[in-house]
Amino acid sequence: QQSGDAVTVVTVHQDENETAALLRMAELGVRLPVLQDGRRMIAAALNIPNVMPATVVLRRDGSVAKVLPQPFTSADEVAAAVDSALRTPGATR
């Protein structure tokens, strides 16, 4: 919301049980689009380490700007990390 249309945020849940994944997102109060990746196909395609949570910052062209295998405690932390990742040329991890 802070970034308007400048940033699109989606979640990717790796639980093989889609119902459990959706219930977990509801319990956490997540109100974002959720992609189900129980077979880790998205994670493999983006070369994401097998840690949770992992945040992947993608450039407009779809290339990976940075992988952040860390939790965040506020929207401001997320915004700062995304801004930093997009300002760092050639960053991937």
PDB file of N, CA and C in Angstrom:
ATOM      1  N   GLN A   1       0.830  -1.196   0.000  1.00  0.00           N
ATOM      2  CA  GLN A   1       0.000   0.000   0.000  1.00  0.00           C
ATOM      3  C   GLN A   1       0.863   1.245   0.000  1.00  0.00           C
ATOM      4  N   GLN A   2       1.985   1.204   0.716  1.00  0.00           N
ATOM      5  CA  GLN A   2       2.862   2.372   0.791  1.00  0.00           C
ATOM      6  C   GLN A   2       3.457   2.708  -0.562  1.00  0.00           C
ATOM      7  N   SER A   3       3.686   1.709  -1.393  1.00  0.00           N
ATOM      8  CA  SER A   3       4.348   1.924  -2.679  1.00  0.00           C
ATOM      9  C   SER A   3       3.384   2.094  -3.830  1.00  0.00           C
ATOM     10  N   GLY A   4       2.108   1.945  -3.587  1.00  0.00           N
ATOM     11  CA  GLY A   4       1.134   2.067  -4.667  1.00  0.00           C
ATOM     12  C   GLY A   4       1.367   1.009  -5.724  1.00  0.00           C
ATOM     13  N   ASP A   5       1.369   1.417  -6.984  1.00  0.00           N
ATOM     14  CA  ASP A   5       1.563   0.483  -8.091  1.00  0.00           C
ATOM     15  C   ASP A   5       3.033   0.181  -8.377  1.00  0.00           C
ATOM     16  N   ALA A   6       3.938   0.816  -7.648  1.00  0.00           N
ATOM     17  CA  ALA A   6       5.368   0.640  -7.909  1.00  0.00           C
ATOM     18  C   ALA A   6       5.860  -0.755  -7.543  1.00  0.00           C
ATOM     19  N   VAL A   7       5.169  -1.426  -6.632  1.00  0.00           N
ATOM     20  CA  VAL A   7       5.597  -2.742  -6.155  1.00  0.00           C
ATOM     21  C   VAL A   7       4.398  -3.675  -6.111  1.00  0.00           C
ATOM     22  N   THR A   8       4.582  -4.888  -6.587  1.00  0.00           N
ATOM     23  CA  THR A   8       3.561  -5.923  -6.474  1.00  0.00           C
ATOM     24  C   THR A   8       4.077  -6.966  -5.502  1.00  0.00           C
ATOM     25  N   VAL A   9       3.270  -7.307  -4.515  1.00  0.00           N
ATOM     26  CA  VAL A   9       3.677  -8.278  -3.502  1.00  0.00           C
ATOM     27  C   VAL A   9       2.744  -9.481  -3.561  1.00  0.00           C
ATOM     28  N   VAL A  10       3.322 -10.663  -3.632  1.00  0.00           N
ATOM     29  CA  VAL A  10       2.567 -11.906  -3.553  1.00  0.00           C
ATOM     30  C   VAL A  10       3.289 -12.806  -2.557  1.00  0.00           C
ATOM     31  N   THR A  11       2.584 -13.770  -2.020  1.00  0.00           N
ATOM     32  CA  THR A  11       3.206 -14.753  -1.146  1.00  0.00           C
ATOM     33  C   THR A  11       3.244 -16.090  -1.875  1.00  0.00           C
ATOM     34  N   VAL A  12       4.254 -16.867  -1.565  1.00  0.00           N
ATOM     35  CA  VAL A  12       4.369 -18.215  -2.117  1.00  0.00           C
ATOM     36  C   VAL A  12       4.459 -19.153  -0.935  1.00  0.00           C
ATOM     37  N   HIS A  13       3.497 -20.055  -0.846  1.00  0.00           N
ATOM     38  CA  HIS A  13       3.449 -20.983   0.283  1.00  0.00           C
ATOM     39  C   HIS A  13       3.869 -22.362  -0.193  1.00  0.00           C
ATOM     40  N   GLN A  14       4.768 -23.004   0.557  1.00  0.00           N
ATOM     41  CA  GLN A  14       5.330 -24.274   0.106  1.00  0.00           C
ATOM     42  C   GLN A  14       4.703 -25.505   0.741  1.00  0.00           C
ATOM     43  N   ASP A  15       3.672 -25.340   1.525  1.00  0.00           N
ATOM     44  CA  ASP A  15       3.003 -26.492   2.117  1.00  0.00           C
ATOM     45  C   ASP A  15       2.339 -27.302   1.007  1.00  0.00           C
ATOM     46  N   GLU A  16       2.573 -28.609   0.977  1.00  0.00           N
ATOM     47  CA  GLU A  16       1.961 -29.448  -0.053  1.00  0.00           C
ATOM     48  C   GLU A  16       0.450 -29.526   0.095  1.00  0.00           C
ATOM     49  N   ASN A  17      -0.055 -29.262   1.298  1.00  0.00           N
ATOM     50  CA  ASN A  17      -1.481 -29.286   1.569  1.00  0.00           C
ATOM     51  C   ASN A  17      -2.034 -27.878   1.365  1.00  0.00           C
ATOM     52  N   GLU A  18      -2.704 -27.655   0.247  1.00  0.00           N
ATOM     53  CA  GLU A  18      -3.196 -26.327  -0.100  1.00  0.00           C
ATOM     54  C   GLU A  18      -4.163 -25.780   0.945  1.00  0.00           C
ATOM     55  N   THR A  19      -5.035 -26.623   1.476  1.00  0.00           N
ATOM     56  CA  THR A  19      -5.986 -26.173   2.489  1.00  0.00           C
ATOM     57  C   THR A  19      -5.260 -25.695   3.736  1.00  0.00           C
ATOM     58  N   ALA A  20      -4.261 -26.459   4.183  1.00  0.00           N
ATOM     59  CA  ALA A  20      -3.474 -26.062   5.358  1.00  0.00           C
ATOM     60  C   ALA A  20      -2.757 -24.745   5.089  1.00  0.00           C
ATOM     61  N   ALA A  21      -2.256 -24.583   3.875  1.00  0.00           N
ATOM     62  CA  ALA A  21      -1.548 -23.354   3.520  1.00  0.00           C
ATOM     63  C   ALA A  21      -2.483 -22.151   3.597  1.00  0.00           C
ATOM     64  N   LEU A  22      -3.666 -22.287   3.037  1.00  0.00           N
ATOM     65  CA  LEU A  22      -4.624 -21.179   3.057  1.00  0.00           C
ATOM     66  C   LEU A  22      -5.092 -20.873   4.478  1.00  0.00           C
ATOM     67  N   LEU A  23      -5.299 -21.905   5.279  1.00  0.00           N
ATOM     68  CA  LEU A  23      -5.677 -21.688   6.676  1.00  0.00           C
ATOM     69  C   LEU A  23      -4.570 -20.965   7.441  1.00  0.00           C
ATOM     70  N   ARG A  24      -3.316 -21.335   7.184  1.00  0.00           N
ATOM     71  CA  ARG A  24      -2.178 -20.691   7.845  1.00  0.00           C
ATOM     72  C   ARG A  24      -2.106 -19.217   7.469  1.00  0.00           C
ATOM     73  N   MET A  25      -2.302 -18.897   6.202  1.00  0.00           N
ATOM     74  CA  MET A  25      -2.285 -17.503   5.768  1.00  0.00           C
ATOM     75  C   MET A  25      -3.403 -16.719   6.447  1.00  0.00           C
ATOM     76  N   ALA A  26      -4.580 -17.334   6.570  1.00  0.00           N
ATOM     77  CA  ALA A  26      -5.704 -16.676   7.243  1.00  0.00           C
ATOM     78  C   ALA A  26      -5.387 -16.447   8.722  1.00  0.00           C
ATOM     79  N   GLU A  27      -4.788 -17.456   9.373  1.00  0.00           N
ATOM     80  CA  GLU A  27      -4.406 -17.321  10.783  1.00  0.00           C
ATOM     81  C   GLU A  27      -3.424 -16.178  10.989  1.00  0.00           C
ATOM     82  N   LEU A  28      -2.519 -16.011  10.048  1.00  0.00           N
ATOM     83  CA  LEU A  28      -1.508 -14.958  10.140  1.00  0.00           C
ATOM     84  C   LEU A  28      -2.047 -13.584   9.727  1.00  0.00           C
ATOM     85  N   GLY A  29      -3.262 -13.566   9.179  1.00  0.00           N
ATOM     86  CA  GLY A  29      -3.844 -12.302   8.746  1.00  0.00           C
ATOM     87  C   GLY A  29      -3.247 -11.778   7.445  1.00  0.00           C
ATOM     88  N   VAL A  30      -2.686 -12.682   6.638  1.00  0.00           N
ATOM     89  CA  VAL A  30      -2.080 -12.280   5.368  1.00  0.00           C
ATOM     90  C   VAL A  30      -3.189 -11.982   4.374  1.00  0.00           C
ATOM     91  N   ARG A  31      -3.148 -10.783   3.830  1.00  0.00           N
ATOM     92  CA  ARG A  31      -4.147 -10.366   2.851  1.00  0.00           C
ATOM     93  C   ARG A  31      -3.460  -9.995   1.541  1.00  0.00           C
ATOM     94  N   LEU A  32      -2.753 -10.972   1.005  1.00  0.00           N
ATOM     95  CA  LEU A  32      -2.027 -10.818  -0.255  1.00  0.00           C
ATOM     96  C   LEU A  32      -2.360 -12.004  -1.149  1.00  0.00           C
ATOM     97  N   PRO A  33      -2.146 -11.871  -2.448  1.00  0.00           N
ATOM     98  CA  PRO A  33      -2.316 -13.047  -3.305  1.00  0.00           C
ATOM     99  C   PRO A  33      -1.353 -14.153  -2.864  1.00  0.00           C
ATOM    100  N   VAL A  34      -1.850 -15.384  -2.813  1.00  0.00           N
ATOM    101  CA  VAL A  34      -1.036 -16.515  -2.368  1.00  0.00           C
ATOM    102  C   VAL A  34      -0.866 -17.491  -3.523  1.00  0.00           C
ATOM    103  N   LEU A  35       0.394 -17.804  -3.844  1.00  0.00           N
ATOM    104  CA  LEU A  35       0.693 -18.828  -4.833  1.00  0.00           C
ATOM    105  C   LEU A  35       1.073 -20.099  -4.098  1.00  0.00           C
ATOM    106  N   GLN A  36       0.554 -21.213  -4.527  1.00  0.00           N
ATOM    107  CA  GLN A  36       0.856 -22.498  -3.906  1.00  0.00           C
ATOM    108  C   GLN A  36       2.023 -23.146  -4.640  1.00  0.00           C
ATOM    109  N   ASP A  37       3.080 -23.515  -3.902  1.00  0.00           N
ATOM    110  CA  ASP A  37       4.279 -24.098  -4.504  1.00  0.00           C
ATOM    111  C   ASP A  37       4.728 -25.318  -3.712  1.00  0.00           C
ATOM    112  N   GLY A  38       3.796 -26.230  -3.465  1.00  0.00           N
ATOM    113  CA  GLY A  38       4.095 -27.419  -2.666  1.00  0.00           C
ATOM    114  C   GLY A  38       5.203 -28.279  -3.239  1.00  0.00           C
ATOM    115  N   ARG A  39       5.397 -28.226  -4.541  1.00  0.00           N
ATOM    116  CA  ARG A  39       6.474 -29.014  -5.167  1.00  0.00           C
ATOM    117  C   ARG A  39       7.737 -28.186  -5.381  1.00  0.00           C
ATOM    118  N   ARG A  40       7.768 -26.952  -4.870  1.00  0.00           N
ATOM    119  CA  ARG A  40       8.928 -26.043  -4.913  1.00  0.00           C
ATOM    120  C   ARG A  40       9.395 -25.734  -6.339  1.00  0.00           C
ATOM    121  N   MET A  41       8.458 -25.698  -7.270  1.00  0.00           N
ATOM    122  CA  MET A  41       8.822 -25.400  -8.656  1.00  0.00           C
ATOM    123  C   MET A  41       9.216 -23.931  -8.810  1.00  0.00           C
ATOM    124  N   ILE A  42       8.491 -23.047  -8.144  1.00  0.00           N
ATOM    125  CA  ILE A  42       8.828 -21.621  -8.192  1.00  0.00           C
ATOM    126  C   ILE A  42      10.169 -21.400  -7.499  1.00  0.00           C
ATOM    127  N   ALA A  43      10.329 -22.007  -6.340  1.00  0.00           N
ATOM    128  CA  ALA A  43      11.583 -21.871  -5.592  1.00  0.00           C
ATOM    129  C   ALA A  43      12.768 -22.364  -6.411  1.00  0.00           C
ATOM    130  N   ALA A  44      12.603 -23.479  -7.088  1.00  0.00           N
ATOM    131  CA  ALA A  44      13.697 -24.025  -7.902  1.00  0.00           C
ATOM    132  C   ALA A  44      14.013 -23.109  -9.085  1.00  0.00           C
ATOM    133  N   ALA A  45      12.986 -22.600  -9.725  1.00  0.00           N
ATOM    134  CA  ALA A  45      13.188 -21.727 -10.882  1.00  0.00           C
ATOM    135  C   ALA A  45      13.910 -20.442 -10.500  1.00  0.00           C
ATOM    136  N   LEU A  46      13.665 -19.947  -9.288  1.00  0.00           N
ATOM    137  CA  LEU A  46      14.297 -18.706  -8.840  1.00  0.00           C
ATOM    138  C   LEU A  46      15.535 -18.951  -7.987  1.00  0.00           C
ATOM    139  N   ASN A  47      15.899 -20.233  -7.811  1.00  0.00           N
ATOM    140  CA  ASN A  47      17.075 -20.601  -7.024  1.00  0.00           C
ATOM    141  C   ASN A  47      16.998 -20.071  -5.592  1.00  0.00           C
ATOM    142  N   ILE A  48      15.833 -20.268  -4.969  1.00  0.00           N
ATOM    143  CA  ILE A  48      15.602 -19.791  -3.611  1.00  0.00           C
ATOM    144  C   ILE A  48      16.074 -20.857  -2.626  1.00  0.00           C
ATOM    145  N   PRO A  49      16.836 -20.467  -1.608  1.00  0.00           N
ATOM    146  CA  PRO A  49      17.277 -21.458  -0.621  1.00  0.00           C
ATOM    147  C   PRO A  49      16.078 -22.042   0.119  1.00  0.00           C
ATOM    148  N   ASN A  50      16.225 -23.257   0.614  1.00  0.00           N
ATOM    149  CA  ASN A  50      15.138 -23.939   1.311  1.00  0.00           C
ATOM    150  C   ASN A  50      15.068 -23.465   2.762  1.00  0.00           C
ATOM    151  N   VAL A  51      14.729 -22.193   2.931  1.00  0.00           N
ATOM    152  CA  VAL A  51      14.535 -21.596   4.250  1.00  0.00           C
ATOM    153  C   VAL A  51      13.227 -20.833   4.231  1.00  0.00           C
ATOM    154  N   MET A  52      12.655 -20.661   5.407  1.00  0.00           N
ATOM    155  CA  MET A  52      11.422 -19.878   5.499  1.00  0.00           C
ATOM    156  C   MET A  52      11.565 -18.880   6.621  1.00  0.00           C
ATOM    157  N   PRO A  53      11.141 -17.678   6.439  1.00  0.00           N
ATOM    158  CA  PRO A  53      10.658 -17.151   5.163  1.00  0.00           C
ATOM    159  C   PRO A  53      11.815 -16.723   4.278  1.00  0.00           C
ATOM    160  N   ALA A  54      11.555 -16.668   3.013  1.00  0.00           N
ATOM    161  CA  ALA A  54      12.515 -16.132   2.052  1.00  0.00           C
ATOM    162  C   ALA A  54      11.770 -15.107   1.207  1.00  0.00           C
ATOM    163  N   THR A  55      12.335 -13.937   1.076  1.00  0.00           N
ATOM    164  CA  THR A  55      11.745 -12.877   0.273  1.00  0.00           C
ATOM    165  C   THR A  55      12.571 -12.746  -0.997  1.00  0.00           C
ATOM    166  N   VAL A  56      11.901 -12.725  -2.125  1.00  0.00           N
ATOM    167  CA  VAL A  56      12.575 -12.577  -3.405  1.00  0.00           C
ATOM    168  C   VAL A  56      12.130 -11.251  -4.012  1.00  0.00           C
ATOM    169  N   VAL A  57      13.094 -10.403  -4.294  1.00  0.00           N
ATOM    170  CA  VAL A  57      12.815  -9.117  -4.920  1.00  0.00           C
ATOM    171  C   VAL A  57      13.126  -9.267  -6.407  1.00  0.00           C
ATOM    172  N   LEU A  58      12.100  -9.066  -7.216  1.00  0.00           N
ATOM    173  CA  LEU A  58      12.248  -9.183  -8.670  1.00  0.00           C
ATOM    174  C   LEU A  58      12.229  -7.799  -9.311  1.00  0.00           C
ATOM    175  N   ARG A  59      13.047  -7.628 -10.320  1.00  0.00           N
ATOM    176  CA  ARG A  59      13.023  -6.397 -11.108  1.00  0.00           C
ATOM    177  C   ARG A  59      11.820  -6.439 -12.051  1.00  0.00           C
ATOM    178  N   ARG A  60      11.509  -5.313 -12.658  1.00  0.00           N
ATOM    179  CA  ARG A  60      10.375  -5.242 -13.593  1.00  0.00           C
ATOM    180  C   ARG A  60      10.498  -6.261 -14.715  1.00  0.00           C
ATOM    181  N   ASP A  61      11.734  -6.584 -15.129  1.00  0.00           N
ATOM    182  CA  ASP A  61      11.930  -7.540 -16.227  1.00  0.00           C
ATOM    183  C   ASP A  61      11.832  -8.994 -15.761  1.00  0.00           C
ATOM    184  N   GLY A  62      11.574  -9.215 -14.476  1.00  0.00           N
ATOM    185  CA  GLY A  62      11.423 -10.563 -13.941  1.00  0.00           C
ATOM    186  C   GLY A  62      12.695 -11.175 -13.411  1.00  0.00           C
ATOM    187  N   SER A  63      13.822 -10.504 -13.570  1.00  0.00           N
ATOM    188  CA  SER A  63      15.081 -11.037 -13.051  1.00  0.00           C
ATOM    189  C   SER A  63      15.146 -10.835 -11.534  1.00  0.00           C
ATOM    190  N   VAL A  64      15.895 -11.701 -10.880  1.00  0.00           N
ATOM    191  CA  VAL A  64      16.013 -11.644  -9.424  1.00  0.00           C
ATOM    192  C   VAL A  64      17.003 -10.543  -9.035  1.00  0.00           C
ATOM    193  N   ALA A  65      16.529  -9.579  -8.249  1.00  0.00           N
ATOM    194  CA  ALA A  65      17.409  -8.519  -7.748  1.00  0.00           C
ATOM    195  C   ALA A  65      18.121  -8.995  -6.494  1.00  0.00           C
ATOM    196  N   LYS A  66      17.382  -9.702  -5.623  1.00  0.00           N
ATOM    197  CA  LYS A  66      17.988 -10.161  -4.376  1.00  0.00           C
ATOM    198  C   LYS A  66      17.075 -11.185  -3.709  1.00  0.00           C
ATOM    199  N   VAL A  67      17.691 -12.155  -3.038  1.00  0.00           N
ATOM    200  CA  VAL A  67      16.971 -13.117  -2.210  1.00  0.00           C
ATOM    201  C   VAL A  67      17.296 -12.777  -0.763  1.00  0.00           C
ATOM    202  N   LEU A  68      16.272 -12.599   0.040  1.00  0.00           N
ATOM    203  CA  LEU A  68      16.442 -12.217   1.441  1.00  0.00           C
ATOM    204  C   LEU A  68      15.859 -13.314   2.329  1.00  0.00           C
ATOM    205  N   PRO A  69      16.687 -14.266   2.770  1.00  0.00           N
ATOM    206  CA  PRO A  69      16.178 -15.351   3.622  1.00  0.00           C
ATOM    207  C   PRO A  69      16.127 -14.901   5.085  1.00  0.00           C
ATOM    208  N   GLN A  70      15.143 -14.041   5.380  1.00  0.00           N
ATOM    209  CA  GLN A  70      15.048 -13.462   6.722  1.00  0.00           C
ATOM    210  C   GLN A  70      13.610 -13.051   7.015  1.00  0.00           C
ATOM    211  N   PRO A  71      13.238 -13.028   8.277  1.00  0.00           N
ATOM    212  CA  PRO A  71      11.912 -12.514   8.634  1.00  0.00           C
ATOM    213  C   PRO A  71      11.945 -10.991   8.737  1.00  0.00           C
ATOM    214  N   PHE A  72      10.805 -10.375   8.578  1.00  0.00           N
ATOM    215  CA  PHE A  72      10.656  -8.930   8.763  1.00  0.00           C
ATOM    216  C   PHE A  72       9.634  -8.693   9.858  1.00  0.00           C
ATOM    217  N   THR A  73       9.800  -7.611  10.584  1.00  0.00           N
ATOM    218  CA  THR A  73       8.865  -7.323  11.674  1.00  0.00           C
ATOM    219  C   THR A  73       7.977  -6.122  11.401  1.00  0.00           C
ATOM    220  N   SER A  74       8.208  -5.438  10.271  1.00  0.00           N
ATOM    221  CA  SER A  74       7.355  -4.288   9.947  1.00  0.00           C
ATOM    222  C   SER A  74       7.375  -4.033   8.441  1.00  0.00           C
ATOM    223  N   ALA A  75       6.370  -3.298   8.004  1.00  0.00           N
ATOM    224  CA  ALA A  75       6.304  -2.907   6.597  1.00  0.00           C
ATOM    225  C   ALA A  75       7.471  -1.995   6.242  1.00  0.00           C
ATOM    226  N   ASP A  76       7.910  -1.182   7.185  1.00  0.00           N
ATOM    227  CA  ASP A  76       9.042  -0.300   6.928  1.00  0.00           C
ATOM    228  C   ASP A  76      10.318  -1.096   6.667  1.00  0.00           C
ATOM    229  N   GLU A  77      10.521  -2.194   7.396  1.00  0.00           N
ATOM    230  CA  GLU A  77      11.684  -3.056   7.154  1.00  0.00           C
ATOM    231  C   GLU A  77      11.631  -3.655   5.750  1.00  0.00           C
ATOM    232  N   VAL A  78      10.467  -4.096   5.347  1.00  0.00           N
ATOM    233  CA  VAL A  78      10.300  -4.674   4.017  1.00  0.00           C
ATOM    234  C   VAL A  78      10.587  -3.606   2.959  1.00  0.00           C
ATOM    235  N   ALA A  79      10.029  -2.420   3.137  1.00  0.00           N
ATOM    236  CA  ALA A  79      10.223  -1.338   2.171  1.00  0.00           C
ATOM    237  C   ALA A  79      11.704  -0.976   2.037  1.00  0.00           C
ATOM    238  N   ALA A  80      12.399  -0.900   3.153  1.00  0.00           N
ATOM    239  CA  ALA A  80      13.827  -0.561   3.121  1.00  0.00           C
ATOM    240  C   ALA A  80      14.629  -1.651   2.418  1.00  0.00           C
ATOM    241  N   ALA A  81      14.306  -2.912   2.673  1.00  0.00           N
ATOM    242  CA  ALA A  81      15.021  -4.029   2.050  1.00  0.00           C
ATOM    243  C   ALA A  81      14.779  -4.054   0.543  1.00  0.00           C
ATOM    244  N   VAL A  82      13.554  -3.829   0.123  1.00  0.00           N
ATOM    245  CA  VAL A  82      13.225  -3.816  -1.304  1.00  0.00           C
ATOM    246  C   VAL A  82      13.934  -2.647  -1.982  1.00  0.00           C
ATOM    247  N   ASP A  83      13.864  -1.479  -1.357  1.00  0.00           N
ATOM    248  CA  ASP A  83      14.523  -0.301  -1.929  1.00  0.00           C
ATOM    249  C   ASP A  83      16.020  -0.551  -2.085  1.00  0.00           C
ATOM    250  N   SER A  84      16.633  -1.106  -1.069  1.00  0.00           N
ATOM    251  CA  SER A  84      18.067  -1.402  -1.107  1.00  0.00           C
ATOM    252  C   SER A  84      18.390  -2.421  -2.205  1.00  0.00           C
ATOM    253  N   ALA A  85      17.579  -3.455  -2.304  1.00  0.00           N
ATOM    254  CA  ALA A  85      17.816  -4.512  -3.300  1.00  0.00           C
ATOM    255  C   ALA A  85      17.706  -3.965  -4.715  1.00  0.00           C
ATOM    256  N   LEU A  86      16.774  -3.073  -4.944  1.00  0.00           N
ATOM    257  CA  LEU A  86      16.575  -2.546  -6.288  1.00  0.00           C
ATOM    258  C   LEU A  86      17.598  -1.474  -6.650  1.00  0.00           C
ATOM    259  N   ARG A  87      18.257  -0.890  -5.649  1.00  0.00           N
ATOM    260  CA  ARG A  87      19.289   0.109  -5.910  1.00  0.00           C
ATOM    261  C   ARG A  87      20.668  -0.505  -6.047  1.00  0.00           C
ATOM    262  N   THR A  88      20.818  -1.780  -5.693  1.00  0.00           N
ATOM    263  CA  THR A  88      22.130  -2.442  -5.744  1.00  0.00           C
ATOM    264  C   THR A  88      22.290  -3.116  -7.101  1.00  0.00           C
ATOM    265  N   PRO A  89      23.141  -2.580  -7.988  1.00  0.00           N
ATOM    266  CA  PRO A  89      23.321  -3.186  -9.316  1.00  0.00           C
ATOM    267  C   PRO A  89      23.872  -4.603  -9.229  1.00  0.00           C
ATOM    268  N   GLY A  90      23.243  -5.504  -9.958  1.00  0.00           N
ATOM    269  CA  GLY A  90      23.749  -6.869 -10.055  1.00  0.00           C
ATOM    270  C   GLY A  90      23.570  -7.723  -8.820  1.00  0.00           C
ATOM    271  N   ALA A  91      22.874  -7.234  -7.805  1.00  0.00           N
ATOM    272  CA  ALA A  91      22.708  -8.027  -6.577  1.00  0.00           C
ATOM    273  C   ALA A  91      21.824  -9.228  -6.843  1.00  0.00           C
ATOM    274  N   THR A  92      22.215 -10.380  -6.303  1.00  0.00           N
ATOM    275  CA  THR A  92      21.364 -11.563  -6.366  1.00  0.00           C
ATOM    276  C   THR A  92      21.214 -12.201  -5.004  1.00  0.00           C
ATOM    277  N   ARG A  93      22.207 -12.090  -4.142  1.00  0.00           N
ATOM    278  CA  ARG A  93      22.094 -12.620  -2.776  1.00  0.00           C
ATOM    279  C   ARG A  93      23.072 -11.949  -1.881  1.00  0.00           C
TER     280      ARG A  93
END
